[in-house]
Amino acid sequence: MLKKRNFKKKLMSKLPKPVKVGDEFDVTISEVGSKGDGIARIENFVVFVPNTKKDDHVRIKITEVRNTFAVAKVIS
């Protein structure tokens, strides 16, 4: 199981991400994460958006991109 997990991590780190820092998107918050941040998806890529709740329609700006998720802030 450990080998499979490491393979997935390596694969995800090499795949191109559908977002980059500074990109802006209009999104709908589809879920709320365990820490209370809203979650939007852009081409199935998870984007955490603090200070939002489910069904909010917001414009966001990407502030950080990791291997399997991104973080954004609301700009309007």
Protein backbone atom coordinates (compact mmCIF):
# COMPACT_ATOMS: atom_id res chain seq x y z
CA MET A 1 0.00 0.00 0.00
CA LEU A 2 2.84 2.39 0.78
CA LYS A 3 4.33 1.99 -2.68
CA LYS A 4 1.01 2.81 -4.33
CA ARG A 5 0.65 5.94 -2.22
CA ASN A 6 4.13 7.22 -3.11
CA PHE A 7 3.48 6.54 -6.78
CA LYS A 8 0.30 8.62 -6.67
CA LYS A 9 2.13 11.49 -4.94
CA LYS A 10 4.89 11.47 -7.55
CA LEU A 11 2.38 11.30 -10.38
CA MET A 12 0.32 14.19 -9.01
CA SER A 13 3.41 16.36 -8.58
CA LYS A 14 4.28 15.98 -12.28
CA LEU A 15 0.83 16.57 -13.74
CA PRO A 16 0.05 20.10 -14.94
CA LYS A 17 -2.29 21.98 -12.62
CA PRO A 18 -5.38 23.69 -14.09
CA VAL A 19 -4.65 26.81 -11.99
CA LYS A 20 -1.65 28.98 -11.22
CA VAL A 21 -0.96 31.73 -8.69
CA GLY A 22 -2.67 34.95 -9.74
CA ASP A 23 -5.41 33.32 -11.84
CA GLU A 24 -8.95 34.59 -11.24
CA PHE A 25 -12.14 32.52 -11.53
CA ASP A 26 -15.86 32.82 -10.88
CA VAL A 27 -16.81 29.77 -8.82
CA THR A 28 -19.56 28.25 -6.73
CA ILE A 29 -18.60 26.81 -3.37
CA SER A 30 -19.75 23.19 -3.52
CA GLU A 31 -18.64 21.92 -0.10
CA VAL A 32 -17.17 22.97 3.21
CA GLY A 33 -13.94 21.36 4.37
CA SER A 34 -13.25 19.95 7.83
CA LYS A 35 -11.56 23.20 8.90
CA GLY A 36 -14.47 25.35 7.71
CA ASP A 37 -13.02 26.60 4.42
CA GLY A 38 -15.24 26.54 1.35
CA ILE A 39 -14.25 24.16 -1.42
CA ALA A 40 -14.60 24.90 -5.11
CA ARG A 41 -13.42 22.68 -7.94
CA ILE A 42 -11.77 23.86 -11.13
CA GLU A 43 -11.46 21.02 -13.65
CA ASN A 44 -11.81 18.64 -10.66
CA PHE A 45 -8.86 20.34 -8.89
CA VAL A 46 -9.71 21.27 -5.29
CA VAL A 47 -9.49 24.95 -4.35
CA PHE A 48 -9.92 25.98 -0.70
CA VAL A 49 -11.54 29.39 -0.20
CA PRO A 50 -11.58 30.73 3.39
CA ASN A 51 -14.57 32.70 4.70
CA THR A 52 -17.11 31.19 2.34
CA LYS A 53 -20.01 28.79 2.76
CA LYS A 54 -21.76 26.24 0.57
CA ASP A 55 -23.57 27.66 -2.48
CA ASP A 56 -21.75 31.04 -2.35
CA HIS A 57 -21.01 32.42 -5.83
CA VAL A 58 -17.72 34.33 -5.63
CA ARG A 59 -14.82 35.59 -7.72
CA ILE A 60 -11.52 34.22 -6.42
CA LYS A 61 -7.81 34.78 -6.96
CA ILE A 62 -5.42 31.84 -6.54
CA THR A 63 -2.81 32.59 -3.85
CA GLU A 64 -1.08 29.21 -3.47
CA VAL A 65 -0.84 26.02 -5.53
CA ARG A 66 0.20 22.65 -4.10
CA ASN A 67 0.35 19.17 -5.69
CA THR A 68 -3.26 18.21 -4.99
CA PHE A 69 -5.01 21.48 -4.09
CA ALA A 70 -4.87 25.27 -4.28
CA VAL A 71 -5.80 28.09 -1.91
CA ALA A 72 -7.59 31.25 -3.05
CA LYS A 73 -9.00 34.46 -1.62
CA VAL A 74 -12.31 36.10 -2.44
CA ILE A 75 -11.91 39.26 -4.50
CA SER A 76 -15.61 40.07 -5.00
